[in-house]
Amino acid sequence: LHIEPQYRKIPIDTSASILTAGLLGEQYIGLEAGAEDEYLENNSQLDPGIAQSAVILEQLIGRLLYSMANNSTTAE
């Protein structure tokens, strides 16, 4: 992942998530800065224990629709 020089002061305890822009938009990596005073260096990696699991909006919508369809068939 290339990060522009003006954004390179990323604390070492920063977490990352894979997010979706809009309903059917592109995916992007969202960073939530931590509180550490030490910063990542070139070619550093985020701690996998801090990384957030990806939640894809399309999957959540699919689950919601499935749940709604399932509830309507059991109500009949």
Protein backbone atom coordinates (compact mmCIF):
# COMPACT_ATOMS: atom_id res chain seq x y z
CA LEU A 1 0.00 0.00 0.00
CA HIS A 2 1.50 3.33 -1.03
CA ILE A 3 0.88 6.22 1.34
CA GLU A 4 1.56 9.79 0.28
CA PRO A 5 4.42 11.48 2.20
CA GLN A 6 2.17 14.02 3.95
CA TYR A 7 0.22 11.15 5.59
CA ARG A 8 3.14 8.99 6.71
CA LYS A 9 3.03 9.75 10.45
CA ILE A 10 0.96 6.68 11.25
CA PRO A 11 1.11 5.48 14.89
CA ILE A 12 2.26 1.86 15.29
CA ASP A 13 -1.04 0.90 16.97
CA THR A 14 -3.18 2.06 14.04
CA SER A 15 -5.95 -0.33 12.97
CA ALA A 16 -7.05 -0.97 9.40
CA SER A 17 -10.41 -2.03 7.99
CA ILE A 18 -11.59 -2.84 4.50
CA LEU A 19 -14.61 -0.62 3.86
CA THR A 20 -17.04 -0.05 1.01
CA ALA A 21 -17.79 3.40 -0.41
CA GLY A 22 -21.55 3.66 -0.82
CA LEU A 23 -24.05 0.94 -1.52
CA LEU A 24 -22.20 -0.72 -4.40
CA GLY A 25 -19.05 1.37 -4.37
CA GLU A 26 -15.40 0.52 -4.46
CA GLN A 27 -13.61 -0.96 -1.50
CA TYR A 28 -10.93 1.02 0.29
CA ILE A 29 -8.72 0.68 3.34
CA GLY A 30 -9.76 2.82 6.29
CA LEU A 31 -7.12 3.60 8.91
CA GLU A 32 -7.99 4.50 12.50
CA ALA A 33 -4.99 6.11 14.16
CA GLY A 34 -3.87 4.81 17.51
CA ALA A 35 -2.44 6.82 20.41
CA GLU A 36 1.21 5.70 20.32
CA ASP A 37 3.97 8.28 19.88
CA GLU A 38 6.02 5.82 17.79
CA TYR A 39 5.29 5.77 14.04
CA LEU A 40 5.43 3.14 11.32
CA GLU A 41 8.51 3.25 9.10
CA ASN A 42 8.85 2.44 5.39
CA ASN A 43 7.94 -1.19 4.66
CA SER A 44 6.36 -1.61 8.11
CA GLN A 45 3.28 -3.72 8.64
CA LEU A 46 0.32 -3.18 10.91
CA ASP A 47 -0.06 -5.61 13.80
CA PRO A 48 -2.47 -8.35 12.59
CA GLY A 49 -3.99 -8.44 16.07
CA ILE A 50 -5.17 -4.85 15.60
CA ALA A 51 -6.47 -5.25 12.02
CA GLN A 52 -10.25 -5.28 11.76
CA SER A 53 -11.96 -8.09 9.89
CA ALA A 54 -13.55 -6.97 6.65
CA VAL A 55 -17.27 -6.31 6.72
CA ILE A 56 -18.59 -5.94 3.21
CA LEU A 57 -21.78 -3.93 2.91
CA GLU A 58 -23.13 -6.18 0.17
CA GLN A 59 -22.87 -9.19 2.50
CA LEU A 60 -24.75 -7.36 5.25
CA ILE A 61 -27.51 -6.37 2.82
CA GLY A 62 -27.72 -9.95 1.59
CA ARG A 63 -28.09 -11.23 5.15
CA LEU A 64 -30.77 -8.64 5.89
CA LEU A 65 -32.76 -9.53 2.76
CA TYR A 66 -32.45 -13.25 3.50
CA SER A 67 -33.59 -12.67 7.08
CA MET A 68 -36.55 -10.55 5.95
CA ALA A 69 -37.57 -13.16 3.36
CA ASN A 70 -37.24 -15.94 5.91
CA ASN A 71 -39.34 -14.02 8.47
CA SER A 72 -42.10 -13.33 5.94
CA THR A 73 -42.39 -17.02 4.96
CA THR A 74 -42.57 -18.18 8.59
CA ALA A 75 -45.22 -15.55 9.41
CA GLU A 76 -47.64 -17.00 6.83
